C-alpha atoms as a PDB file:
ATOM      1  CA  MET A   1     108.518  61.461 221.104  1.00  0.00           C
ATOM      2  CA  LYS A   2     110.648  60.788 224.168  1.00  0.00           C
ATOM      3  CA  SER A   3     112.109  63.138 226.741  1.00  0.00           C
ATOM      4  CA  THR A   4     115.530  61.507 226.289  1.00  0.00           C
ATOM      5  CA  ASP A   5     115.762  61.976 222.504  1.00  0.00           C
ATOM      6  CA  LEU A   6     119.020  63.810 221.683  1.00  0.00           C
ATOM      7  CA  ILE A   7     118.797  66.934 219.516  1.00  0.00           C
ATOM      8  CA  PRO A   8     121.825  68.970 218.312  1.00  0.00           C
ATOM      9  CA  LEU A   9     121.735  72.568 219.559  1.00  0.00           C
ATOM     10  CA  ASN A  10     122.967  73.709 216.153  1.00  0.00           C
ATOM     11  CA  GLY A  11     125.643  72.854 213.625  1.00  0.00           C
ATOM     12  CA  ARG A  12     127.995  75.677 214.576  1.00  0.00           C
ATOM     13  CA  THR A  13     129.605  74.885 217.928  1.00  0.00           C
ATOM     14  CA  LYS A  14     133.240  73.792 218.068  1.00  0.00           C
ATOM     15  CA  ARG A  15     132.214  70.589 219.792  1.00  0.00           C
ATOM     16  CA  PRO A  16     128.757  69.137 219.147  1.00  0.00           C
ATOM     17  CA  LEU A  17     126.242  69.904 221.863  1.00  0.00           C
ATOM     18  CA  GLN A  18     123.396  67.409 222.131  1.00  0.00           C
ATOM     19  CA  LEU A  19     120.435  68.360 224.283  1.00  0.00           C
ATOM     20  CA  THR A  20     117.805  65.931 225.445  1.00  0.00           C
ATOM     21  CA  ARG A  21     114.374  66.862 224.149  1.00  0.00           C
ATOM     22  CA  MET A  22     113.382  67.655 227.708  1.00  0.00           C
ATOM     23  CA  GLY A  23     115.775  69.433 230.005  1.00  0.00           C
ATOM     24  CA  PHE A  24     115.621  70.384 233.658  1.00  0.00           C
ATOM     25  CA  GLY A  25     114.843  74.032 234.397  1.00  0.00           C
ATOM     26  CA  ALA A  26     116.052  74.725 237.915  1.00  0.00           C
ATOM     27  CA  ALA A  27     114.377  78.092 238.605  1.00  0.00           C
ATOM     28  CA  ALA A  28     111.869  76.501 240.981  1.00  0.00           C
ATOM     29  CA  LEU A  29     114.728  74.956 242.959  1.00  0.00           C
ATOM     30  CA  GLY A  30     115.646  78.497 243.988  1.00  0.00           C
ATOM     31  CA  ASN A  31     112.408  78.459 246.033  1.00  0.00           C
ATOM     32  CA  LEU A  32     110.331  80.303 243.450  1.00  0.00           C
ATOM     33  CA  TYR A  33     107.108  81.355 245.237  1.00  0.00           C
ATOM     34  CA  ARG A  34     107.508  78.555 247.822  1.00  0.00           C
ATOM     35  CA  ARG A  35     110.196  76.767 249.775  1.00  0.00           C
ATOM     36  CA  VAL A  36     111.545  73.521 248.320  1.00  0.00           C
ATOM     37  CA  SER A  37     113.410  71.274 250.733  1.00  0.00           C
ATOM     38  CA  ASP A  38     116.991  70.275 249.974  1.00  0.00           C
ATOM     39  CA  GLU A  39     115.845  66.648 249.974  1.00  0.00           C
ATOM     40  CA  ASP A  40     113.137  67.233 247.347  1.00  0.00           C
ATOM     41  CA  ALA A  41     115.497  69.338 245.238  1.00  0.00           C
ATOM     42  CA  GLN A  42     118.189  66.670 245.198  1.00  0.00           C
ATOM     43  CA  ASP A  43     115.643  63.939 244.573  1.00  0.00           C
ATOM     44  CA  ALA A  44     114.250  65.809 241.566  1.00  0.00           C
ATOM     45  CA  LEU A  45     117.702  66.493 240.095  1.00  0.00           C
ATOM     46  CA  LEU A  46     118.946  62.932 240.562  1.00  0.00           C
ATOM     47  CA  CYS A  47     115.685  61.538 239.219  1.00  0.00           C
ATOM     48  CA  ALA A  48     116.062  63.729 236.120  1.00  0.00           C
ATOM     49  CA  PHE A  49     119.467  62.235 235.464  1.00  0.00           C
ATOM     50  CA  ASP A  50     118.294  58.710 236.230  1.00  0.00           C
ATOM     51  CA  VAL A  51     115.479  58.894 233.663  1.00  0.00           C
ATOM     52  CA  GLY A  52     117.906  60.151 231.022  1.00  0.00           C
ATOM     53  CA  LEU A  53     117.627  63.941 230.973  1.00  0.00           C
ATOM     54  CA  ARG A  54     120.994  65.423 230.124  1.00  0.00           C
ATOM     55  CA  TYR A  55     120.394  69.181 229.930  1.00  0.00           C
ATOM     56  CA  PHE A  56     120.218  71.295 233.097  1.00  0.00           C
ATOM     57  CA  ASP A  57     119.687  75.071 233.269  1.00  0.00           C
ATOM     58  CA  THR A  58     120.122  77.386 236.225  1.00  0.00           C
ATOM     59  CA  ALA A  59     121.079  81.012 237.014  1.00  0.00           C
ATOM     60  CA  PRO A  60     122.435  83.186 239.851  1.00  0.00           C
ATOM     61  CA  GLN A  61     119.042  84.900 240.162  1.00  0.00           C
ATOM     62  CA  TYR A  62     117.221  81.680 241.017  1.00  0.00           C
ATOM     63  CA  GLY A  63     117.113  81.818 244.789  1.00  0.00           C
ATOM     64  CA  LEU A  64     120.044  84.254 244.877  1.00  0.00           C
ATOM     65  CA  GLY A  65     122.478  81.420 244.265  1.00  0.00           C
ATOM     66  CA  ARG A  66     120.521  78.613 245.920  1.00  0.00           C
ATOM     67  CA  SER A  67     119.545  76.937 242.639  1.00  0.00           C
ATOM     68  CA  GLU A  68     123.132  76.879 241.364  1.00  0.00           C
ATOM     69  CA  GLU A  69     124.331  75.429 244.659  1.00  0.00           C
ATOM     70  CA  ARG A  70     121.708  72.690 244.519  1.00  0.00           C
ATOM     71  CA  VAL A  71     122.543  71.819 240.918  1.00  0.00           C
ATOM     72  CA  GLY A  72     126.228  71.766 241.855  1.00  0.00           C
ATOM     73  CA  ARG A  73     125.552  69.357 244.707  1.00  0.00           C
ATOM     74  CA  ALA A  74     123.691  66.980 242.387  1.00  0.00           C
ATOM     75  CA  MET A  75     126.496  67.144 239.828  1.00  0.00           C
ATOM     76  CA  GLN A  76     128.863  65.698 242.403  1.00  0.00           C
ATOM     77  CA  SER A  77     126.813  62.516 241.981  1.00  0.00           C
ATOM     78  CA  PHE A  78     126.292  62.360 238.239  1.00  0.00           C
ATOM     79  CA  GLY A  79     129.227  64.415 236.948  1.00  0.00           C
ATOM     80  CA  ALA A  80     129.301  67.666 234.982  1.00  0.00           C
ATOM     81  CA  GLU A  81     131.005  65.812 232.141  1.00  0.00           C
ATOM     82  CA  ASN A  82     127.871  63.720 231.640  1.00  0.00           C
ATOM     83  CA  ILE A  83     125.439  66.592 231.055  1.00  0.00           C
ATOM     84  CA  VAL A  84     125.013  69.862 229.168  1.00  0.00           C
ATOM     85  CA  LEU A  85     124.899  72.690 231.700  1.00  0.00           C
ATOM     86  CA  SER A  86     123.808  76.285 231.208  1.00  0.00           C
ATOM     87  CA  THR A  87     123.796  79.256 233.539  1.00  0.00           C
ATOM     88  CA  LYS A  88     123.518  82.973 233.108  1.00  0.00           C
ATOM     89  CA  VAL A  89     125.324  86.284 233.534  1.00  0.00           C
ATOM     90  CA  GLY A  90     124.090  89.818 234.144  1.00  0.00           C
ATOM     91  CA  ARG A  91     123.360  89.705 237.867  1.00  0.00           C
ATOM     92  CA  LEU A  92     126.100  89.898 240.494  1.00  0.00           C
ATOM     93  CA  LEU A  93     125.259  88.811 244.040  1.00  0.00           C
ATOM     94  CA  PHE A  94     126.630  90.660 247.061  1.00  0.00           C
ATOM     95  CA  ASP A  95     126.292  90.013 250.780  1.00  0.00           C
ATOM     96  CA  CYS A  96     124.063  92.608 252.422  1.00  0.00           C
ATOM     97  CA  GLU A  97     122.089  93.621 255.483  1.00  0.00           C
ATOM     98  CA  PRO A  98     118.524  92.282 255.849  1.00  0.00           C
ATOM     99  CA  ASP A  99     116.890  95.558 254.781  1.00  0.00           C
ATOM    100  CA  GLU A 100     118.973  95.651 251.590  1.00  0.00           C
ATOM    101  CA  VAL A 101     117.712  92.399 250.055  1.00  0.00           C
ATOM    102  CA  THR A 102     116.606  92.881 246.463  1.00  0.00           C
ATOM    103  CA  PRO A 103     112.869  92.079 246.188  1.00  0.00           C
ATOM    104  CA  GLU A 104     112.478  88.833 244.262  1.00  0.00           C
ATOM    105  CA  SER A 105     109.860  86.117 243.805  1.00  0.00           C
ATOM    106  CA  PHE A 106     111.995  83.679 245.793  1.00  0.00           C
ATOM    107  CA  VAL A 107     111.555  82.745 249.438  1.00  0.00           C
ATOM    108  CA  ASP A 108     114.017  81.523 252.083  1.00  0.00           C
ATOM    109  CA  VAL A 109     117.042  82.743 250.139  1.00  0.00           C
ATOM    110  CA  PRO A 110     120.602  83.723 251.119  1.00  0.00           C
ATOM    111  CA  GLN A 111     121.201  87.258 252.371  1.00  0.00           C
ATOM    112  CA  LYS A 112     122.174  88.832 249.058  1.00  0.00           C
ATOM    113  CA  ARG A 113     121.458  91.883 246.965  1.00  0.00           C
ATOM    114  CA  ILE A 114     121.494  91.905 243.175  1.00  0.00           C
ATOM    115  CA  VAL A 115     123.420  94.312 240.970  1.00  0.00           C
ATOM    116  CA  PHE A 116     122.825  94.162 237.235  1.00  0.00           C
ATOM    117  CA  ASP A 117     126.130  94.240 235.364  1.00  0.00           C
ATOM    118  CA  TYR A 118     126.535  93.398 231.668  1.00  0.00           C
ATOM    119  CA  THR A 119     130.056  94.813 231.311  1.00  0.00           C
ATOM    120  CA  TYR A 120     133.149  92.779 230.475  1.00  0.00           C
ATOM    121  CA  ASP A 121     134.186  92.635 234.127  1.00  0.00           C
ATOM    122  CA  GLY A 122     130.641  91.898 235.246  1.00  0.00           C
ATOM    123  CA  VAL A 123     130.292  88.940 232.893  1.00  0.00           C
ATOM    124  CA  MET A 124     133.639  87.470 233.896  1.00  0.00           C
ATOM    125  CA  ARG A 125     132.964  87.900 237.619  1.00  0.00           C
ATOM    126  CA  SER A 126     129.498  86.393 237.264  1.00  0.00           C
ATOM    127  CA  TYR A 127     130.871  83.400 235.379  1.00  0.00           C
ATOM    128  CA  GLU A 128     133.555  82.724 238.002  1.00  0.00           C
ATOM    129  CA  ALA A 129     131.051  83.064 240.856  1.00  0.00           C
ATOM    130  CA  SER A 130     128.651  80.667 239.138  1.00  0.00           C
ATOM    131  CA  LYS A 131     131.377  78.074 238.646  1.00  0.00           C
ATOM    132  CA  ALA A 132     132.208  78.318 242.346  1.00  0.00           C
ATOM    133  CA  ARG A 133     128.578  77.790 243.383  1.00  0.00           C
ATOM    134  CA  LEU A 134     128.199  74.966 240.874  1.00  0.00           C
ATOM    135  CA  LYS A 135     131.516  73.431 241.961  1.00  0.00           C
ATOM    136  CA  THR A 136     132.586  72.938 238.351  1.00  0.00           C
ATOM    137  CA  ASP A 137     135.385  74.200 236.145  1.00  0.00           C
ATOM    138  CA  HIS A 138     133.225  74.778 233.093  1.00  0.00           C
ATOM    139  CA  VAL A 139     129.741  75.585 231.843  1.00  0.00           C
ATOM    140  CA  ASP A 140     128.618  74.509 228.389  1.00  0.00           C
ATOM    141  CA  ILE A 141     126.177  77.321 227.569  1.00  0.00           C
ATOM    142  CA  LEU A 142     126.425  80.861 228.967  1.00  0.00           C
ATOM    143  CA  LEU A 143     123.444  83.172 228.572  1.00  0.00           C
ATOM    144  CA  ALA A 144     123.065  86.927 229.096  1.00  0.00           C
ATOM    145  CA  HIS A 145     120.104  87.068 231.460  1.00  0.00           C
ATOM    146  CA  ASP A 146     117.058  89.331 231.324  1.00  0.00           C
ATOM    147  CA  VAL A 147     118.027  92.176 229.024  1.00  0.00           C
ATOM    148  CA  CYS A 148     114.366  92.289 227.925  1.00  0.00           C
ATOM    149  CA  ALA A 149     111.841  95.033 228.680  1.00  0.00           C
ATOM    150  CA  PHE A 150     109.735  92.615 230.738  1.00  0.00           C
ATOM    151  CA  SER A 151     112.578  92.074 233.210  1.00  0.00           C
ATOM    152  CA  GLN A 152     114.058  95.569 233.112  1.00  0.00           C
ATOM    153  CA  GLY A 153     110.757  97.387 233.480  1.00  0.00           C
ATOM    154  CA  SER A 154     110.666  99.363 230.241  1.00  0.00           C
ATOM    155  CA  GLN A 155     111.870  99.344 226.660  1.00  0.00           C
ATOM    156  CA  GLU A 156     114.205 102.228 227.466  1.00  0.00           C
ATOM    157  CA  ALA A 157     115.814 100.259 230.285  1.00  0.00           C
ATOM    158  CA  SER A 158     116.120  97.181 228.062  1.00  0.00           C
ATOM    159  CA  ASP A 159     117.814  99.219 225.339  1.00  0.00           C
ATOM    160  CA  ALA A 160     120.267 100.558 227.923  1.00  0.00           C
ATOM    161  CA  LYS A 161     121.186  97.044 229.076  1.00  0.00           C
ATOM    162  CA  VAL A 162     121.683  95.871 225.485  1.00  0.00           C
ATOM    163  CA  ARG A 163     123.991  98.858 224.910  1.00  0.00           C
ATOM    164  CA  GLU A 164     125.888  97.986 228.085  1.00  0.00           C
ATOM    165  CA  LEU A 165     126.263  94.394 226.916  1.00  0.00           C
ATOM    166  CA  PHE A 166     127.914  95.535 223.686  1.00  0.00           C
ATOM    167  CA  ASP A 167     129.516  98.903 224.508  1.00  0.00           C
ATOM    168  CA  GLY A 168     130.574  97.798 227.995  1.00  0.00           C
ATOM    169  CA  GLY A 169     132.296  94.662 226.776  1.00  0.00           C
ATOM    170  CA  GLY A 170     129.950  91.953 228.048  1.00  0.00           C
ATOM    171  CA  TYR A 171     129.429  90.525 224.590  1.00  0.00           C
ATOM    172  CA  ARG A 172     133.190  90.574 224.024  1.00  0.00           C
ATOM    173  CA  ALA A 173     133.632  88.573 227.233  1.00  0.00           C
ATOM    174  CA  LEU A 174     131.106  85.972 226.042  1.00  0.00           C
ATOM    175  CA  VAL A 175     132.862  85.659 222.691  1.00  0.00           C
ATOM    176  CA  GLU A 176     136.284  85.351 224.339  1.00  0.00           C
ATOM    177  CA  LEU A 177     135.015  82.569 226.588  1.00  0.00           C
ATOM    178  CA  ARG A 178     133.550  80.769 223.593  1.00  0.00           C
ATOM    179  CA  ASP A 179     136.644  81.253 221.424  1.00  0.00           C
ATOM    180  CA  ALA A 180     138.873  79.930 224.209  1.00  0.00           C
ATOM    181  CA  GLY A 181     136.658  76.872 224.665  1.00  0.00           C
ATOM    182  CA  ASP A 182     135.703  77.788 228.241  1.00  0.00           C
ATOM    183  CA  VAL A 183     132.089  77.648 227.086  1.00  0.00           C
ATOM    184  CA  LEU A 184     130.763  76.009 223.933  1.00  0.00           C
ATOM    185  CA  ALA A 185     127.790  78.245 223.167  1.00  0.00           C
ATOM    186  CA  ILE A 186     126.577  81.738 224.047  1.00  0.00           C
ATOM    187  CA  GLY A 187     123.182  83.344 223.936  1.00  0.00           C
ATOM    188  CA  ALA A 188     120.587  85.078 226.061  1.00  0.00           C
ATOM    189  CA  GLY A 189     117.880  83.975 228.462  1.00  0.00           C
ATOM    190  CA  VAL A 190     114.908  86.333 228.204  1.00  0.00           C
ATOM    191  CA  ASN A 191     111.128  86.647 228.298  1.00  0.00           C
ATOM    192  CA  GLU A 192     110.678  88.369 224.905  1.00  0.00           C
ATOM    193  CA  TRP A 193     111.577  87.301 221.395  1.00  0.00           C
ATOM    194  CA  GLN A 194     111.934  90.911 220.210  1.00  0.00           C
ATOM    195  CA  VAL A 195     115.138  91.489 222.161  1.00  0.00           C
ATOM    196  CA  CYS A 196     116.537  88.207 220.801  1.00  0.00           C
ATOM    197  CA  GLU A 197     115.957  89.508 217.305  1.00  0.00           C
ATOM    198  CA  LYS A 198     117.729  92.728 218.243  1.00  0.00           C
ATOM    199  CA  LEU A 199     120.684  90.803 219.663  1.00  0.00           C
ATOM    200  CA  LEU A 200     120.987  88.766 216.464  1.00  0.00           C
ATOM    201  CA  GLY A 201     121.307  92.046 214.585  1.00  0.00           C
ATOM    202  CA  LEU A 202     124.255  93.029 216.772  1.00  0.00           C
ATOM    203  CA  GLY A 203     126.221  89.828 217.360  1.00  0.00           C
ATOM    204  CA  ASP A 204     126.779  86.148 216.721  1.00  0.00           C
ATOM    205  CA  PHE A 205     124.763  83.994 219.115  1.00  0.00           C
ATOM    206  CA  ASP A 206     124.285  80.229 219.170  1.00  0.00           C
ATOM    207  CA  CYS A 207     121.022  79.965 221.044  1.00  0.00           C
ATOM    208  CA  PHE A 208     118.353  81.685 223.092  1.00  0.00           C
ATOM    209  CA  LEU A 209     116.457  80.499 226.129  1.00  0.00           C
ATOM    210  CA  LEU A 210     113.058  81.982 225.395  1.00  0.00           C
ATOM    211  CA  ALA A 211     110.583  81.829 228.274  1.00  0.00           C
ATOM    212  CA  GLY A 212     106.888  81.773 227.496  1.00  0.00           C
ATOM    213  CA  ARG A 213     106.919  83.517 224.143  1.00  0.00           C
ATOM    214  CA  TYR A 214     106.404  80.592 221.782  1.00  0.00           C
ATOM    215  CA  THR A 215     103.660  78.423 223.200  1.00  0.00           C
ATOM    216  CA  LEU A 216     100.239  76.988 222.524  1.00  0.00           C
ATOM    217  CA  LEU A 217      98.969  80.459 223.497  1.00  0.00           C
ATOM    218  CA  GLU A 218     101.487  82.658 221.668  1.00  0.00           C
ATOM    219  CA  GLN A 219     103.050  82.344 218.230  1.00  0.00           C
ATOM    220  CA  GLU A 220     103.946  85.933 217.273  1.00  0.00           C
ATOM    221  CA  ALA A 221     107.586  84.847 217.118  1.00  0.00           C
ATOM    222  CA  LEU A 222     106.724  83.168 213.801  1.00  0.00           C
ATOM    223  CA  GLU A 223     106.486  86.588 212.146  1.00  0.00           C
ATOM    224  CA  THR A 224     110.180  87.396 211.883  1.00  0.00           C
ATOM    225  CA  PHE A 225     112.201  85.978 214.772  1.00  0.00           C
ATOM    226  CA  LEU A 226     111.951  82.219 214.275  1.00  0.00           C
ATOM    227  CA  PRO A 227     112.537  82.477 210.492  1.00  0.00           C
ATOM    228  CA  LEU A 228     115.694  84.464 211.310  1.00  0.00           C
ATOM    229  CA  CYS A 229     116.795  81.734 213.719  1.00  0.00           C
ATOM    230  CA  GLU A 230     116.331  79.150 210.967  1.00  0.00           C
ATOM    231  CA  ARG A 231     118.488  81.165 208.577  1.00  0.00           C
ATOM    232  CA  ARG A 232     121.204  81.722 211.205  1.00  0.00           C
ATOM    233  CA  ASP A 233     121.134  78.166 212.643  1.00  0.00           C
ATOM    234  CA  VAL A 234     120.220  79.394 216.119  1.00  0.00           C
ATOM    235  CA  GLY A 235     118.746  76.900 218.572  1.00  0.00           C
ATOM    236  CA  ILE A 236     115.840  77.716 220.870  1.00  0.00           C
ATOM    237  CA  ILE A 237     115.688  76.401 224.418  1.00  0.00           C
ATOM    238  CA  LEU A 238     112.021  76.738 225.296  1.00  0.00           C
ATOM    239  CA  GLY A 239     111.307  77.795 228.853  1.00  0.00           C
ATOM    240  CA  GLY A 240     107.875  78.437 230.307  1.00  0.00           C
ATOM    241  CA  PRO A 241     105.937  76.083 227.991  1.00  0.00           C
ATOM    242  CA  TYR A 242     102.921  76.442 230.293  1.00  0.00           C
ATOM    243  CA  ASN A 243     103.043  80.286 230.182  1.00  0.00           C
ATOM    244  CA  SER A 244     103.986  80.288 233.895  1.00  0.00           C
ATOM    245  CA  GLY A 245     101.071  78.069 234.851  1.00  0.00           C
ATOM    246  CA  ILE A 246      97.822  78.488 232.959  1.00  0.00           C
ATOM    247  CA  LEU A 247      98.571  75.827 230.334  1.00  0.00           C
ATOM    248  CA  ALA A 248      99.197  73.399 233.177  1.00  0.00           C
ATOM    249  CA  THR A 249      96.260  74.259 235.440  1.00  0.00           C
ATOM    250  CA  GLY A 250      93.758  75.280 232.798  1.00  0.00           C
ATOM    251  CA  ALA A 251      91.560  78.356 233.158  1.00  0.00           C
ATOM    252  CA  ILE A 252      90.887  77.943 236.868  1.00  0.00           C
ATOM    253  CA  GLU A 253      90.380  80.787 239.310  1.00  0.00           C
ATOM    254  CA  GLY A 254      93.745  82.304 240.144  1.00  0.00           C
ATOM    255  CA  ALA A 255      95.495  80.740 237.135  1.00  0.00           C
ATOM    256  CA  ARG A 256      98.775  82.517 236.402  1.00  0.00           C
ATOM    257  CA  TYR A 257      99.850  83.830 233.012  1.00  0.00           C
ATOM    258  CA  ASN A 258     103.174  85.599 232.553  1.00  0.00           C
ATOM    259  CA  TYR A 259     103.757  85.349 236.330  1.00  0.00           C
ATOM    260  CA  VAL A 260     100.553  87.235 237.294  1.00  0.00           C
ATOM    261  CA  PRO A 261      96.864  86.301 237.519  1.00  0.00           C
ATOM    262  CA  ALA A 262      95.571  85.661 234.007  1.00  0.00           C
ATOM    263  CA  PRO A 263      93.336  88.368 232.466  1.00  0.00           C
ATOM    264  CA  PRO A 264      89.833  87.455 231.213  1.00  0.00           C
ATOM    265  CA  ALA A 265      90.819  87.283 227.531  1.00  0.00           C
ATOM    266  CA  ILE A 266      93.560  84.737 228.260  1.00  0.00           C
ATOM    267  CA  LEU A 267      91.267  82.697 230.483  1.00  0.00           C
ATOM    268  CA  ASP A 268      88.677  82.579 227.702  1.00  0.00           C
ATOM    269  CA  ARG A 269      91.218  81.527 225.087  1.00  0.00           C
ATOM    270  CA  VAL A 270      92.579  78.770 227.297  1.00  0.00           C
ATOM    271  CA  ARG A 271      89.053  77.473 227.936  1.00  0.00           C
ATOM    272  CA  LYS A 272      88.531  77.179 224.189  1.00  0.00           C
ATOM    273  CA  ILE A 273      91.881  75.425 223.666  1.00  0.00           C
ATOM    274  CA  GLU A 274      91.133  73.078 226.532  1.00  0.00           C
ATOM    275  CA  SER A 275      87.729  72.270 225.041  1.00  0.00           C
ATOM    276  CA  VAL A 276      89.340  71.201 221.753  1.00  0.00           C
ATOM    277  CA  CYS A 277      91.897  69.118 223.654  1.00  0.00           C
ATOM    278  CA  GLN A 278      89.135  67.387 225.608  1.00  0.00           C
ATOM    279  CA  ALA A 279      87.268  66.602 222.384  1.00  0.00           C
ATOM    280  CA  HIS A 280      90.388  64.744 221.225  1.00  0.00           C
ATOM    281  CA  GLY A 281      91.021  63.002 224.526  1.00  0.00           C
ATOM    282  CA  THR A 282      94.229  64.943 225.098  1.00  0.00           C
ATOM    283  CA  ALA A 283      95.400  66.669 228.259  1.00  0.00           C
ATOM    284  CA  LEU A 284      96.053  70.392 227.880  1.00  0.00           C
ATOM    285  CA  MET A 285      99.516  69.975 229.413  1.00  0.00           C
ATOM    286  CA  ALA A 286     100.492  67.329 226.867  1.00  0.00           C
ATOM    287  CA  ALA A 287      99.364  69.516 223.969  1.00  0.00           C
ATOM    288  CA  ALA A 288     101.243  72.498 225.397  1.00  0.00           C
ATOM    289  CA  LEU A 289     104.444  70.556 225.924  1.00  0.00           C
ATOM    290  CA  GLN A 290     104.447  68.869 222.512  1.00  0.00           C
ATOM    291  CA  PHE A 291     103.224  71.751 220.355  1.00  0.00           C
ATOM    292  CA  VAL A 292     106.495  73.672 220.529  1.00  0.00           C
ATOM    293  CA  PHE A 293     108.414  70.815 218.903  1.00  0.00           C
ATOM    294  CA  GLY A 294     106.628  71.414 215.643  1.00  0.00           C
ATOM    295  CA  HIS A 295     109.154  74.170 214.996  1.00  0.00           C
ATOM    296  CA  PRO A 296     112.611  72.965 213.916  1.00  0.00           C
ATOM    297  CA  CYS A 297     114.438  75.644 215.917  1.00  0.00           C
ATOM    298  CA  VAL A 298     113.037  74.400 219.224  1.00  0.00           C
ATOM    299  CA  LYS A 299     115.629  71.929 220.497  1.00  0.00           C
ATOM    300  CA  THR A 300     114.560  71.301 224.077  1.00  0.00           C
ATOM    301  CA  VAL A 301     111.871  72.289 226.529  1.00  0.00           C
ATOM    302  CA  ILE A 302     112.550  72.893 230.222  1.00  0.00           C
ATOM    303  CA  PRO A 303     109.427  72.745 232.379  1.00  0.00           C
ATOM    304  CA  GLY A 304     110.131  73.193 236.047  1.00  0.00           C
ATOM    305  CA  ALA A 305     109.879  70.416 238.622  1.00  0.00           C
ATOM    306  CA  VAL A 306     110.374  70.563 242.363  1.00  0.00           C
ATOM    307  CA  ASN A 307     110.169  66.861 243.148  1.00  0.00           C
ATOM    308  CA  ARG A 308     110.366  63.398 241.614  1.00  0.00           C
ATOM    309  CA  ALA A 309     106.620  63.149 240.956  1.00  0.00           C
ATOM    310  CA  GLU A 310     106.499  66.381 238.943  1.00  0.00           C
ATOM    311  CA  LEU A 311     109.597  65.381 236.974  1.00  0.00           C
ATOM    312  CA  LEU A 312     108.183  61.993 236.000  1.00  0.00           C
ATOM    313  CA  ALA A 313     104.788  63.496 235.131  1.00  0.00           C
ATOM    314  CA  ASN A 314     106.397  65.990 232.740  1.00  0.00           C
ATOM    315  CA  ALA A 315     108.463  63.278 231.068  1.00  0.00           C
ATOM    316  CA  ARG A 316     105.383  61.133 230.486  1.00  0.00           C
ATOM    317  CA  LEU A 317     103.575  63.999 228.757  1.00  0.00           C
ATOM    318  CA  LEU A 318     106.020  63.897 225.859  1.00  0.00           C
ATOM    319  CA  GLU A 319     105.114  60.272 225.194  1.00  0.00           C
ATOM    320  CA  VAL A 320     101.374  60.899 224.908  1.00  0.00           C
ATOM    321  CA  ASP A 321     100.020  60.174 221.423  1.00  0.00           C
ATOM    322  CA  ILE A 322      98.329  63.301 220.108  1.00  0.00           C
ATOM    323  CA  PRO A 323      96.072  62.929 217.050  1.00  0.00           C
ATOM    324  CA  PRO A 324      96.977  65.250 214.151  1.00  0.00           C
ATOM    325  CA  SER A 325      93.312  66.280 214.031  1.00  0.00           C
ATOM    326  CA  LEU A 326      93.823  68.160 217.313  1.00  0.00           C
ATOM    327  CA  TRP A 327      96.198  70.600 215.640  1.00  0.00           C
ATOM    328  CA  THR A 328      93.911  70.832 212.607  1.00  0.00           C
ATOM    329  CA  ASP A 329      90.943  71.761 214.781  1.00  0.00           C
ATOM    330  CA  LEU A 330      92.904  74.312 216.787  1.00  0.00           C
ATOM    331  CA  LYS A 331      93.895  75.999 213.525  1.00  0.00           C
ATOM    332  CA  ARG A 332      90.383  75.845 212.109  1.00  0.00           C
ATOM    333  CA  GLU A 333      89.009  77.572 215.205  1.00  0.00           C
ATOM    334  CA  GLY A 334      91.727  80.223 215.095  1.00  0.00           C
ATOM    335  CA  LEU A 335      93.246  79.129 218.399  1.00  0.00           C
ATOM    336  CA  ILE A 336      96.733  78.656 216.962  1.00  0.00           C
ATOM    337  CA  ARG A 337      98.168  80.361 213.902  1.00  0.00           C
ATOM    338  CA  ALA A 338      97.425  78.806 210.544  1.00  0.00           C
ATOM    339  CA  ASP A 339     101.144  78.884 209.680  1.00  0.00           C
ATOM    340  CA  ALA A 340     102.278  77.309 212.960  1.00  0.00           C
ATOM    341  CA  PRO A 341     104.278  74.139 212.286  1.00  0.00           C
ATOM    342  CA  VAL A 342     102.905  71.232 214.311  1.00  0.00           C
ATOM    343  CA  PRO A 343     104.513  68.024 215.559  1.00  0.00           C
ATOM    344  CA  LYS A 344     104.526  64.955 213.409  1.00  0.00           C
ATOM    345  CA  GLU A 345     102.788  61.852 214.680  1.00  0.00           C
ATOM    346  CA  ASN A 346     104.724  59.946 217.345  1.00  0.00           C
END
C-alpha cells in the first residue's frame, strides 16, 4: 500500500477524479491549536506534492482563511491543474473589530468573524471568496461544511442547517456548479455519519469528508451508512484517522479524543488496542491509518501535517507491512467489529 496509489472517487463524475490514497488535510495549516510558520507550511505542502500526493483539502474556517491562502500560495508552484482540490462552503468570513472575533480553535488568525450561511447566495459567495484566497479559477470538490450536531451544538441546530441547505437553495447552488462543470463533485464535510445519511436521503451527493467517525476506535457507520454509500457509489474521504490525536499518541495523559481530553473508557480501549498492536510488532499509528482502507468506500485518508517531517512520517506508515493476524486478534478480543472489513496484505 502506497500513499501515491490512485483511487477513483466514484464512477459518477463527469470527468474522472483520481485521489491519491493519502491526501493532505490542511486544517492544521490554519494554526489549529498552535502557530505554524509560513515557511513550515509551504515546506509541508511542497513536500506533499514532491512525494506524489495529489489531493489537497482546505476550508475557509481553517485559520479564518489562512489555510486557503497558504494552499493557494503553494499551488502557484505546483499548479492547480496537477492536483485534486477540495474546499468547503457554509461559513462566510467578514472583517470585524477585535472584540467581535468568532471563538475558534485557531491562533494567530486574520481579524474575521464567521457567519454560517447555507443559502444559495451564501454558497455562491463562499465559493467565490475561496477561489480568491486560493488564487484559482476552479475547485474540484465542494463540500457543505459542518451541518452536523457536533459542530452546530445540538441536533435541533443541525436539522435547521440541513433545512437551510435545501430550502434556502444551498444544495441547488452546489448542483448548479456541478452541472455547469465549475466543480466536479459535491458533498459534505462533517464530524458525524448520521447527517451524511440524512443528506443522502434528500439529495444526490458524490462524496463525504467524514472526520473521525470510521476509525480503529469507531465502526458504527457500518450499520447503515457505509452500506448505503456502497449502493449509491459515494466515496468517503476519511479525515481524523487518529480520532484527533489518541490513535497517534496512544493512551497517554492528556491524549485528545474528538478534540477534547479522552475519557477513561476511551483511554482503556486504546490501551488494549495498542497492546495487540505491540504483540504483532506494529505501531498503533500504522494500524489506525491502514485499517480504514479495508472498506471499499474509503478512497483517501487525510491526516494533518504541519511540516516536512510529519508529512514523510505519515506517508511511511502506509507502507508498513501489517500481519493479517493483527486484525484477527483485534476482532477476537472485541476491539473492532466482527463485520469490519480489513485491509488485504500489502
